[in-house]
Amino acid sequence: MCVALLALFVALGGSAYAAKKISAKDIGTGAVGTRAVKNGSLAGTDIRGNSLGPATIAEQGLDTRKFKTVPTARVAGTVVKNAIGASELGNVTRRFGPAASVANGQVAKADVACAKGEVVVGGGGRWADSVPGVSLQSSYADTDAGWTAIGQNGSGAPRKLQAFAMCLAP
């Protein structure tokens, strides 16, 4: 019995000694695998930047309810000087151009222009009805005050393509 107690104390004391004496320098690279790490025991600060390699974000993997709203423009924790706020930006109006008729099997373009004095800051294109076989091939600012959308119709019938522009009035 005395030998058994002595063996127990040595075993317990040895693991306590090892826990105090073993450091990260004593563990070889790759020696600790996923199974050895307890769930929830690592924080973001425990993982070196770019050490996990690239990863794909799973579909539905981001929950926008968990994103924080940033009240002012910030870069690396400091407020950006001369940032433009919504009140200083001016009015942005979405303008639609005339619908272009696109025959089946054809590619066509639709254009829209901002009003005089406005500047285009974005835009796009849309089909009057969303059916299989129609696609938006390209969408771009063609001038400082206009937008172009190019679409292809393979739906089997004529379809209408329309460009829109987001126009900023100073």
N, C-alpha and C. Protein backbone atom coordinates (compact mmCIF):
# COMPACT_ATOMS: atom_id res chain seq x y z
N MET A 1 0.82 -1.19 0.00
CA MET A 1 0.00 0.00 0.00
C MET A 1 0.87 1.26 0.00
N CYS A 2 1.94 1.20 0.72
CA CYS A 2 2.85 2.33 0.79
C CYS A 2 3.44 2.62 -0.59
N VAL A 3 3.76 1.57 -1.32
CA VAL A 3 4.31 1.72 -2.66
C VAL A 3 3.26 2.33 -3.59
N ALA A 4 2.00 1.91 -3.44
CA ALA A 4 0.93 2.44 -4.27
C ALA A 4 0.72 3.93 -4.02
N LEU A 5 0.76 4.34 -2.74
CA LEU A 5 0.61 5.76 -2.41
C LEU A 5 1.79 6.56 -2.95
N LEU A 6 2.98 6.01 -2.81
CA LEU A 6 4.16 6.68 -3.34
C LEU A 6 4.05 6.85 -4.85
N ALA A 7 3.59 5.83 -5.54
CA ALA A 7 3.43 5.90 -7.00
C ALA A 7 2.38 6.95 -7.37
N LEU A 8 1.30 7.04 -6.59
CA LEU A 8 0.26 8.03 -6.84
C LEU A 8 0.80 9.44 -6.69
N PHE A 9 1.56 9.71 -5.61
CA PHE A 9 2.11 11.04 -5.39
C PHE A 9 3.12 11.42 -6.47
N VAL A 10 3.91 10.49 -6.92
CA VAL A 10 4.88 10.75 -7.99
C VAL A 10 4.14 11.07 -9.28
N ALA A 11 3.09 10.31 -9.57
CA ALA A 11 2.33 10.53 -10.80
C ALA A 11 1.66 11.90 -10.79
N LEU A 12 1.03 12.24 -9.68
CA LEU A 12 0.36 13.55 -9.59
C LEU A 12 1.36 14.69 -9.57
N GLY A 13 2.41 14.51 -8.82
CA GLY A 13 3.43 15.56 -8.74
C GLY A 13 4.16 15.74 -10.06
N GLY A 14 4.36 14.67 -10.81
CA GLY A 14 5.05 14.75 -12.10
C GLY A 14 4.26 15.55 -13.12
N SER A 15 2.93 15.36 -13.16
CA SER A 15 2.13 16.12 -14.13
C SER A 15 2.06 17.59 -13.75
N ALA A 16 2.01 17.88 -12.44
CA ALA A 16 2.01 19.28 -12.00
C ALA A 16 3.35 19.92 -12.34
N TYR A 17 4.43 19.18 -12.14
CA TYR A 17 5.76 19.68 -12.48
C TYR A 17 5.84 19.97 -13.98
N ALA A 18 5.32 19.04 -14.81
CA ALA A 18 5.36 19.20 -16.26
C ALA A 18 4.55 20.41 -16.70
N ALA A 19 3.39 20.63 -16.06
CA ALA A 19 2.55 21.77 -16.44
C ALA A 19 3.25 23.08 -16.16
N LYS A 20 4.09 23.14 -15.14
CA LYS A 20 4.82 24.37 -14.80
C LYS A 20 6.06 24.55 -15.66
N LYS A 21 6.66 23.48 -16.11
CA LYS A 21 7.95 23.54 -16.80
C LYS A 21 7.86 23.51 -18.32
N ILE A 22 6.77 23.02 -18.91
CA ILE A 22 6.67 22.92 -20.37
C ILE A 22 6.10 24.21 -20.92
N SER A 23 6.77 24.80 -21.88
CA SER A 23 6.30 26.04 -22.51
C SER A 23 6.13 25.82 -24.01
N ALA A 24 5.68 26.86 -24.71
CA ALA A 24 5.46 26.76 -26.15
C ALA A 24 6.75 26.39 -26.89
N LYS A 25 7.91 26.81 -26.36
CA LYS A 25 9.20 26.49 -27.01
C LYS A 25 9.50 24.99 -26.97
N ASP A 26 8.90 24.28 -25.99
CA ASP A 26 9.15 22.85 -25.85
C ASP A 26 8.27 21.99 -26.75
N ILE A 27 7.27 22.58 -27.39
CA ILE A 27 6.33 21.83 -28.23
C ILE A 27 6.68 22.07 -29.69
N GLY A 28 6.87 21.02 -30.45
CA GLY A 28 7.24 21.14 -31.85
C GLY A 28 6.10 21.66 -32.72
N THR A 29 6.44 22.25 -33.85
CA THR A 29 5.45 22.74 -34.80
C THR A 29 4.56 21.61 -35.27
N GLY A 30 3.26 21.80 -35.19
CA GLY A 30 2.30 20.80 -35.64
C GLY A 30 2.04 19.69 -34.64
N ALA A 31 2.66 19.76 -33.43
CA ALA A 31 2.50 18.69 -32.45
C ALA A 31 1.12 18.72 -31.79
N VAL A 32 0.48 19.89 -31.72
CA VAL A 32 -0.84 20.00 -31.11
C VAL A 32 -1.87 20.11 -32.23
N GLY A 33 -2.72 19.10 -32.33
CA GLY A 33 -3.74 19.08 -33.37
C GLY A 33 -5.08 19.59 -32.88
N THR A 34 -6.05 19.56 -33.77
CA THR A 34 -7.39 20.04 -33.46
C THR A 34 -8.00 19.32 -32.27
N ARG A 35 -7.80 18.02 -32.18
CA ARG A 35 -8.40 17.24 -31.09
C ARG A 35 -7.85 17.63 -29.73
N ALA A 36 -6.63 18.17 -29.68
CA ALA A 36 -6.01 18.52 -28.41
C ALA A 36 -6.45 19.89 -27.89
N VAL A 37 -7.14 20.67 -28.73
CA VAL A 37 -7.56 22.02 -28.34
C VAL A 37 -9.03 21.98 -27.92
N LYS A 38 -9.29 22.46 -26.71
CA LYS A 38 -10.65 22.46 -26.17
C LYS A 38 -11.47 23.54 -26.87
N ASN A 39 -12.70 23.20 -27.27
CA ASN A 39 -13.59 24.18 -27.91
C ASN A 39 -13.77 25.40 -27.00
N GLY A 40 -13.66 26.58 -27.60
CA GLY A 40 -13.85 27.82 -26.86
C GLY A 40 -12.63 28.27 -26.08
N SER A 41 -11.51 27.53 -26.16
CA SER A 41 -10.34 27.90 -25.36
C SER A 41 -9.43 28.90 -26.07
N LEU A 42 -9.61 29.12 -27.37
CA LEU A 42 -8.78 30.06 -28.10
C LEU A 42 -9.56 31.33 -28.42
N ALA A 43 -8.88 32.46 -28.33
CA ALA A 43 -9.46 33.75 -28.71
C ALA A 43 -8.75 34.24 -29.97
N GLY A 44 -9.30 35.24 -30.61
CA GLY A 44 -8.69 35.79 -31.82
C GLY A 44 -7.26 36.25 -31.59
N THR A 45 -6.96 36.74 -30.39
CA THR A 45 -5.60 37.21 -30.09
C THR A 45 -4.61 36.06 -29.98
N ASP A 46 -5.09 34.82 -29.84
CA ASP A 46 -4.21 33.66 -29.75
C ASP A 46 -3.73 33.18 -31.12
N ILE A 47 -4.32 33.71 -32.18
CA ILE A 47 -4.01 33.23 -33.53
C ILE A 47 -3.27 34.32 -34.29
N ARG A 48 -2.11 33.99 -34.78
CA ARG A 48 -1.28 34.92 -35.53
C ARG A 48 -1.96 35.26 -36.86
N GLY A 49 -1.91 36.53 -37.26
CA GLY A 49 -2.51 36.98 -38.52
C GLY A 49 -2.04 36.16 -39.70
N ASN A 50 -2.96 35.79 -40.59
CA ASN A 50 -2.71 35.02 -41.80
C ASN A 50 -2.15 33.62 -41.55
N SER A 51 -2.21 33.13 -40.32
CA SER A 51 -1.65 31.80 -40.04
C SER A 51 -2.61 30.68 -40.40
N LEU A 52 -3.88 30.98 -40.59
CA LEU A 52 -4.85 29.94 -40.91
C LEU A 52 -5.00 29.73 -42.42
N GLY A 53 -4.45 30.62 -43.21
CA GLY A 53 -4.55 30.49 -44.66
C GLY A 53 -5.90 30.95 -45.17
N PRO A 54 -6.09 30.92 -46.49
CA PRO A 54 -7.35 31.39 -47.06
C PRO A 54 -8.49 30.43 -46.73
N ALA A 55 -9.68 31.00 -46.63
CA ALA A 55 -10.86 30.18 -46.35
C ALA A 55 -12.03 30.76 -47.12
N THR A 56 -12.97 29.92 -47.43
CA THR A 56 -14.18 30.35 -48.11
C THR A 56 -15.25 30.59 -47.06
N ILE A 57 -15.97 31.69 -47.19
CA ILE A 57 -17.07 31.97 -46.27
C ILE A 57 -18.26 31.14 -46.72
N ALA A 58 -18.80 30.38 -45.80
CA ALA A 58 -19.93 29.51 -46.11
C ALA A 58 -21.15 30.35 -46.48
N GLU A 59 -21.96 29.82 -47.40
CA GLU A 59 -23.19 30.50 -47.75
C GLU A 59 -24.02 30.68 -46.48
N GLN A 60 -24.59 31.85 -46.31
CA GLN A 60 -25.36 32.21 -45.11
C GLN A 60 -24.46 32.24 -43.87
N GLY A 61 -23.13 32.34 -44.06
CA GLY A 61 -22.20 32.30 -42.94
C GLY A 61 -22.06 33.61 -42.20
N LEU A 62 -22.45 34.71 -42.80
CA LEU A 62 -22.36 36.01 -42.15
C LEU A 62 -23.73 36.43 -41.64
N ASP A 63 -23.78 36.89 -40.42
CA ASP A 63 -25.02 37.36 -39.82
C ASP A 63 -24.90 38.86 -39.64
N THR A 64 -25.58 39.64 -40.47
CA THR A 64 -25.44 41.10 -40.44
C THR A 64 -25.91 41.70 -39.12
N ARG A 65 -26.70 40.96 -38.36
CA ARG A 65 -27.13 41.47 -37.06
C ARG A 65 -25.97 41.56 -36.09
N LYS A 66 -24.87 40.88 -36.38
CA LYS A 66 -23.72 40.89 -35.49
C LYS A 66 -22.68 41.95 -35.88
N PHE A 67 -22.89 42.65 -36.99
CA PHE A 67 -21.98 43.70 -37.41
C PHE A 67 -22.25 44.95 -36.59
N LYS A 68 -21.21 45.66 -36.26
CA LYS A 68 -21.37 46.91 -35.51
C LYS A 68 -21.51 48.07 -36.48
N THR A 69 -22.29 49.06 -36.13
CA THR A 69 -22.43 50.27 -36.91
C THR A 69 -21.33 51.24 -36.52
N VAL A 70 -20.63 51.77 -37.50
CA VAL A 70 -19.58 52.74 -37.24
C VAL A 70 -20.16 54.13 -37.41
N PRO A 71 -20.19 54.94 -36.34
CA PRO A 71 -20.85 56.24 -36.42
C PRO A 71 -20.11 57.27 -37.27
N THR A 72 -18.80 57.16 -37.38
CA THR A 72 -18.04 58.10 -38.19
C THR A 72 -17.02 57.33 -39.01
N ALA A 73 -16.51 57.98 -40.03
CA ALA A 73 -15.49 57.32 -40.86
C ALA A 73 -14.21 57.15 -40.05
N ARG A 74 -13.71 55.92 -39.99
CA ARG A 74 -12.51 55.64 -39.22
C ARG A 74 -11.56 54.76 -40.03
N VAL A 75 -10.28 55.02 -39.87
CA VAL A 75 -9.25 54.17 -40.44
C VAL A 75 -8.26 53.90 -39.31
N ALA A 76 -8.07 52.64 -39.00
CA ALA A 76 -7.16 52.22 -37.93
C ALA A 76 -7.45 52.96 -36.63
N GLY A 77 -8.75 53.16 -36.32
CA GLY A 77 -9.14 53.73 -35.04
C GLY A 77 -9.14 55.24 -34.97
N THR A 78 -8.75 55.93 -36.05
CA THR A 78 -8.74 57.39 -36.01
C THR A 78 -9.78 57.94 -36.98
N VAL A 79 -10.36 59.06 -36.63
CA VAL A 79 -11.36 59.69 -37.49
C VAL A 79 -10.67 60.25 -38.73
N VAL A 80 -11.23 60.00 -39.89
CA VAL A 80 -10.65 60.47 -41.14
C VAL A 80 -10.96 61.95 -41.30
N LYS A 81 -9.94 62.74 -41.53
CA LYS A 81 -10.13 64.17 -41.73
C LYS A 81 -10.80 64.41 -43.08
N ASN A 82 -11.63 65.42 -43.14
CA ASN A 82 -12.31 65.85 -44.36
C ASN A 82 -13.23 64.78 -44.94
N ALA A 83 -13.70 63.85 -44.11
CA ALA A 83 -14.66 62.86 -44.60
C ALA A 83 -15.96 63.55 -44.94
N ILE A 84 -16.61 63.10 -46.00
CA ILE A 84 -17.86 63.71 -46.43
C ILE A 84 -19.01 62.98 -45.75
N GLY A 85 -19.84 63.74 -45.08
CA GLY A 85 -21.01 63.17 -44.43
C GLY A 85 -22.22 63.25 -45.35
N ALA A 86 -23.29 62.54 -44.99
CA ALA A 86 -24.50 62.52 -45.81
C ALA A 86 -25.07 63.91 -45.99
N SER A 87 -24.99 64.75 -44.96
CA SER A 87 -25.57 66.10 -45.07
C SER A 87 -24.77 66.98 -46.02
N GLU A 88 -23.52 66.67 -46.25
CA GLU A 88 -22.67 67.46 -47.15
C GLU A 88 -22.66 66.91 -48.57
N LEU A 89 -23.14 65.71 -48.75
CA LEU A 89 -23.04 65.04 -50.04
C LEU A 89 -23.97 65.65 -51.08
N GLY A 90 -25.17 65.95 -50.71
CA GLY A 90 -26.15 66.45 -51.68
C GLY A 90 -27.21 65.38 -51.92
N ASN A 91 -28.08 65.63 -52.86
CA ASN A 91 -29.16 64.69 -53.16
C ASN A 91 -28.75 63.69 -54.24
N VAL A 92 -29.06 62.43 -53.99
CA VAL A 92 -28.82 61.39 -54.98
C VAL A 92 -30.19 60.91 -55.48
N THR A 93 -30.36 60.95 -56.80
CA THR A 93 -31.62 60.56 -57.41
C THR A 93 -31.37 59.40 -58.38
N ARG A 94 -32.24 58.40 -58.33
CA ARG A 94 -32.13 57.30 -59.30
C ARG A 94 -32.95 57.68 -60.52
N ARG A 95 -32.31 57.69 -61.67
CA ARG A 95 -32.97 58.04 -62.92
C ARG A 95 -32.99 56.82 -63.84
N PHE A 96 -34.12 56.62 -64.50
CA PHE A 96 -34.28 55.49 -65.42
C PHE A 96 -34.31 56.00 -66.86
N GLY A 97 -33.62 55.28 -67.75
CA GLY A 97 -33.66 55.61 -69.16
C GLY A 97 -34.81 54.90 -69.84
N PRO A 98 -35.02 55.19 -71.11
CA PRO A 98 -36.09 54.50 -71.85
C PRO A 98 -35.74 53.02 -72.01
N ALA A 99 -36.75 52.17 -72.01
CA ALA A 99 -36.53 50.74 -72.18
C ALA A 99 -36.18 50.44 -73.63
N ALA A 100 -35.14 49.66 -73.82
CA ALA A 100 -34.72 49.25 -75.16
C ALA A 100 -35.30 47.88 -75.45
N SER A 101 -35.91 47.71 -76.62
CA SER A 101 -36.45 46.42 -77.01
C SER A 101 -35.31 45.56 -77.55
N VAL A 102 -35.17 44.35 -76.99
CA VAL A 102 -34.09 43.46 -77.39
C VAL A 102 -34.73 42.19 -77.97
N ALA A 103 -34.48 41.95 -79.26
CA ALA A 103 -35.03 40.77 -79.93
C ALA A 103 -34.37 39.51 -79.39
N ASN A 104 -35.07 38.39 -79.51
CA ASN A 104 -34.52 37.11 -79.08
C ASN A 104 -33.22 36.82 -79.82
N GLY A 105 -32.21 36.36 -79.10
CA GLY A 105 -30.92 36.04 -79.71
C GLY A 105 -30.03 37.24 -79.95
N GLN A 106 -30.43 38.42 -79.49
CA GLN A 106 -29.66 39.64 -79.75
C GLN A 106 -29.06 40.22 -78.48
N VAL A 107 -28.04 41.05 -78.68
CA VAL A 107 -27.42 41.83 -77.61
C VAL A 107 -27.73 43.29 -77.92
N ALA A 108 -28.14 44.04 -76.90
CA ALA A 108 -28.46 45.46 -77.12
C ALA A 108 -28.04 46.26 -75.90
N LYS A 109 -28.04 47.59 -76.08
CA LYS A 109 -27.68 48.45 -74.96
C LYS A 109 -28.80 49.43 -74.66
N ALA A 110 -28.83 49.83 -73.41
CA ALA A 110 -29.78 50.84 -72.96
C ALA A 110 -28.98 51.93 -72.25
N ASP A 111 -29.37 53.17 -72.44
CA ASP A 111 -28.64 54.30 -71.86
C ASP A 111 -29.56 55.16 -71.01
N VAL A 112 -28.96 55.89 -70.09
CA VAL A 112 -29.67 56.87 -69.29
C VAL A 112 -28.71 58.02 -69.00
N ALA A 113 -29.24 59.22 -68.91
CA ALA A 113 -28.42 60.39 -68.61
C ALA A 113 -28.94 61.06 -67.35
N CYS A 114 -28.03 61.61 -66.57
CA CYS A 114 -28.41 62.41 -65.41
C CYS A 114 -28.89 63.78 -65.91
N ALA A 115 -29.59 64.48 -65.07
CA ALA A 115 -30.05 65.83 -65.43
C ALA A 115 -28.86 66.78 -65.48
N LYS A 116 -29.05 67.91 -66.13
CA LYS A 116 -27.98 68.91 -66.27
C LYS A 116 -27.49 69.32 -64.88
N GLY A 117 -26.16 69.31 -64.69
CA GLY A 117 -25.56 69.69 -63.42
C GLY A 117 -25.35 68.52 -62.47
N GLU A 118 -25.96 67.36 -62.76
CA GLU A 118 -25.78 66.19 -61.91
C GLU A 118 -24.57 65.37 -62.38
N VAL A 119 -24.02 64.59 -61.47
CA VAL A 119 -22.88 63.72 -61.77
C VAL A 119 -23.29 62.29 -61.45
N VAL A 120 -22.99 61.36 -62.35
CA VAL A 120 -23.32 59.97 -62.11
C VAL A 120 -22.35 59.39 -61.08
N VAL A 121 -22.89 58.70 -60.06
CA VAL A 121 -22.06 58.08 -59.03
C VAL A 121 -22.27 56.57 -58.95
N GLY A 122 -23.14 56.04 -59.79
CA GLY A 122 -23.40 54.61 -59.83
C GLY A 122 -24.53 54.32 -60.79
N GLY A 123 -24.84 53.06 -60.96
CA GLY A 123 -25.94 52.71 -61.86
C GLY A 123 -26.00 51.22 -62.10
N GLY A 124 -26.81 50.85 -63.07
CA GLY A 124 -26.97 49.44 -63.39
C GLY A 124 -27.95 49.25 -64.52
N GLY A 125 -28.43 48.04 -64.66
CA GLY A 125 -29.40 47.72 -65.69
C GLY A 125 -30.37 46.68 -65.17
N ARG A 126 -31.55 46.63 -65.77
CA ARG A 126 -32.55 45.64 -65.36
C ARG A 126 -33.42 45.26 -66.54
N TRP A 127 -33.96 44.06 -66.48
CA TRP A 127 -34.91 43.58 -67.47
C TRP A 127 -36.31 43.88 -66.95
N ALA A 128 -37.24 44.22 -67.83
CA ALA A 128 -38.61 44.53 -67.43
C ALA A 128 -39.26 43.32 -66.78
N ASP A 129 -38.93 42.13 -67.25
CA ASP A 129 -39.44 40.91 -66.62
C ASP A 129 -38.28 39.93 -66.48
N SER A 130 -38.17 39.35 -65.32
CA SER A 130 -37.07 38.43 -65.04
C SER A 130 -37.48 37.02 -65.46
N VAL A 131 -36.94 36.60 -66.60
CA VAL A 131 -37.25 35.27 -67.13
C VAL A 131 -35.94 34.56 -67.46
N PRO A 132 -35.95 33.24 -67.52
CA PRO A 132 -34.73 32.52 -67.92
C PRO A 132 -34.30 32.93 -69.33
N GLY A 133 -32.99 33.02 -69.51
CA GLY A 133 -32.45 33.31 -70.84
C GLY A 133 -32.02 34.75 -71.05
N VAL A 134 -32.35 35.67 -70.12
CA VAL A 134 -31.89 37.05 -70.25
C VAL A 134 -30.72 37.26 -69.29
N SER A 135 -29.74 38.04 -69.70
CA SER A 135 -28.60 38.31 -68.82
C SER A 135 -28.10 39.73 -69.04
N LEU A 136 -27.56 40.30 -67.99
CA LEU A 136 -26.94 41.61 -68.06
C LEU A 136 -25.46 41.38 -68.30
N GLN A 137 -24.98 41.77 -69.47
CA GLN A 137 -23.59 41.51 -69.86
C GLN A 137 -22.61 42.51 -69.28
N SER A 138 -23.02 43.78 -69.19
CA SER A 138 -22.13 44.82 -68.74
C SER A 138 -22.95 46.01 -68.27
N SER A 139 -22.37 46.79 -67.37
CA SER A 139 -23.02 47.98 -66.85
C SER A 139 -21.91 48.93 -66.42
N TYR A 140 -21.92 50.16 -66.94
CA TYR A 140 -20.80 51.06 -66.67
C TYR A 140 -21.17 52.51 -66.90
N ALA A 141 -20.40 53.41 -66.27
CA ALA A 141 -20.55 54.85 -66.51
C ALA A 141 -19.89 55.14 -67.85
N ASP A 142 -20.64 55.71 -68.77
CA ASP A 142 -20.06 56.00 -70.08
C ASP A 142 -19.61 57.45 -70.22
N THR A 143 -20.08 58.30 -69.33
CA THR A 143 -19.63 59.70 -69.25
C THR A 143 -19.73 60.10 -67.78
N ASP A 144 -19.42 61.36 -67.49
CA ASP A 144 -19.58 61.84 -66.12
C ASP A 144 -21.04 61.95 -65.72
N ALA A 145 -21.94 61.92 -66.70
CA ALA A 145 -23.36 62.11 -66.40
C ALA A 145 -24.25 61.07 -67.07
N GLY A 146 -23.72 59.88 -67.37
CA GLY A 146 -24.55 58.87 -68.02
C GLY A 146 -24.13 57.46 -67.68
N TRP A 147 -25.05 56.52 -67.90
CA TRP A 147 -24.81 55.11 -67.59
C TRP A 147 -25.30 54.26 -68.74
N THR A 148 -24.60 53.15 -69.01
CA THR A 148 -24.98 52.22 -70.06
C THR A 148 -25.10 50.82 -69.49
N ALA A 149 -26.12 50.10 -69.93
CA ALA A 149 -26.30 48.69 -69.58
C ALA A 149 -26.39 47.91 -70.88
N ILE A 150 -25.69 46.78 -70.95
CA ILE A 150 -25.72 45.92 -72.14
C ILE A 150 -26.26 44.56 -71.70
N GLY A 151 -27.27 44.08 -72.43
CA GLY A 151 -27.89 42.81 -72.08
C GLY A 151 -28.06 41.90 -73.27
N GLN A 152 -28.14 40.62 -73.00
CA GLN A 152 -28.35 39.61 -74.04
C GLN A 152 -29.66 38.89 -73.76
N ASN A 153 -30.46 38.73 -74.82
CA ASN A 153 -31.75 38.08 -74.71
C ASN A 153 -31.72 36.73 -75.41
N GLY A 154 -31.91 35.68 -74.64
CA GLY A 154 -32.02 34.34 -75.20
C GLY A 154 -33.28 33.66 -74.68
N SER A 155 -34.30 34.45 -74.42
CA SER A 155 -35.51 33.94 -73.77
C SER A 155 -36.53 33.33 -74.73
N GLY A 156 -36.37 33.59 -76.03
CA GLY A 156 -37.33 33.07 -77.00
C GLY A 156 -38.36 34.10 -77.43
N ALA A 157 -38.32 35.29 -76.83
CA ALA A 157 -39.27 36.36 -77.18
C ALA A 157 -38.59 37.71 -76.96
N PRO A 158 -39.09 38.77 -77.59
CA PRO A 158 -38.52 40.11 -77.36
C PRO A 158 -38.67 40.51 -75.88
N ARG A 159 -37.68 41.20 -75.34
CA ARG A 159 -37.70 41.65 -73.94
C ARG A 159 -37.23 43.10 -73.87
N LYS A 160 -37.54 43.76 -72.76
CA LYS A 160 -37.18 45.17 -72.55
C LYS A 160 -36.05 45.27 -71.54
N LEU A 161 -34.99 46.01 -71.91
CA LEU A 161 -33.84 46.27 -71.06
C LEU A 161 -33.83 47.75 -70.70
N GLN A 162 -33.54 48.06 -69.45
CA GLN A 162 -33.55 49.45 -69.01
C GLN A 162 -32.31 49.73 -68.16
N ALA A 163 -31.68 50.87 -68.42
CA ALA A 163 -30.53 51.31 -67.62
C ALA A 163 -31.03 52.29 -66.57
N PHE A 164 -30.32 52.31 -65.42
CA PHE A 164 -30.62 53.34 -64.42
C PHE A 164 -29.31 53.92 -63.92
N ALA A 165 -29.38 55.17 -63.46
CA ALA A 165 -28.20 55.87 -62.97
C ALA A 165 -28.51 56.50 -61.63
N MET A 166 -27.53 56.48 -60.75
CA MET A 166 -27.61 57.20 -59.48
C MET A 166 -26.91 58.53 -59.72
N CYS A 167 -27.69 59.59 -59.67
CA CYS A 167 -27.18 60.92 -60.04
C CYS A 167 -27.09 61.83 -58.82
N LEU A 168 -25.92 62.44 -58.64
CA LEU A 168 -25.66 63.33 -57.51
C LEU A 168 -25.85 64.77 -57.94
N ALA A 169 -26.71 65.49 -57.21
CA ALA A 169 -26.90 66.92 -57.44
C ALA A 169 -26.19 67.66 -56.33
N PRO A 170 -25.21 68.51 -56.69
CA PRO A 170 -24.46 69.24 -55.65
C PRO A 170 -25.33 70.22 -54.87
